[in-house]
Amino acid sequence: MATEGLSGVVAITVTPFDEDGSVDVPAYERVVGRLAGVHAVTVNGNTSEFYTLSAEECRTAVDVVAGADAMRLCGVGHDLGTAVRLAEYAERRGLDGVMVHQPAHPYLSLDGWVEYHRVIADAVPSLAVVPYVRDARIGGAQIGALAGACDNVVGVKYAVADPVRFACAARDSGIDRLVWVAGLAELSAPGYFAYGATGFTSGLANVVPEMSLRMFELLEAGEDTGGIWGRIRQFEELRAVDGGANNVAVVKEALAQLGVCRRDVRPPGHVLGEVDRAVVREVLATWAA
């Protein structure tokens, strides 16, 4: 089972929409086509506005990414039946793996977290399965139990904003058993690489994949990332404003200014105002200089 793509830049695509609000397939193909060189491409992630997409739209994204020249993953989630059906569709379309969203439930139990992922992993034995951990309660005991029960659970996208907690969870579950992906993108990646991550997720890669790849090259070589980190910082901090409210809108605004797709995002997201659009324009001009 291929896992090499997880140790690198794991791009999370945006989902372009056309003027009537439908998924814009030609624009989506342009987005995926821009990702040449990244190590893995994930559709139906949070940067893809997963929780606003219908089941049919999620399948459309799988179809778009099926021919990508990288490890291809599909985000799955919602109720267990919906997650399994989308994972099975990804398997039929020849994808390499699924990234399992943090279960959206107000009363998530630790044993239930393990069971949710186990059922999905058992349904698609040929696919790599990567849990997306955003809840600090999920630790080494739960991750280790899941990996012990399912051979195809091969990696973890860890997105709790605490490198020390990450270090403990990775070691308590057996750091060498799994591929650890820093799930908070470029600005946080150096801290997580220091504790054993070998890949990081990226929304920035939709816009300037060469910058994400350069960050990875430096991290992999153990070299100073301060220069590239500084160049990325303003863009990523704008995405993080107001608890991440602009996460998708900033990326789509940049792509709109580059002529790749429209800037539209679905509620509860919202397009950027004129002031922030101008900031994106300035950042793009700086990168082009």
Foldseek 3Di string as FASTA:
>chain_A
DDDVLLLWEEEEEAFFADPVGHGDLVLLLLLLVLLPPRAEYEYLDVLNVNVVDDLVNQLSNLVSCLPHPHQYEYEAADDLVRRLVSLVSSVVSPHAAYEYEDYDDPDDDLVNSLVSQLVSCVSRVRHAYEYEDADLVHAQVSVLVSCVNHVSPAAYAYEHPDLVRVLRRCVSSPVVRHAYEDELDDLCVLSNLVSRHRHYYDNCCSQPVVLRRVSNVCSVVVHDPVVSSVLCVVLSVVCCPPNRLCVNLSSLLSCVVVVSHHSDDDPVHGHDDPVVSVVSVVSVVVVVD
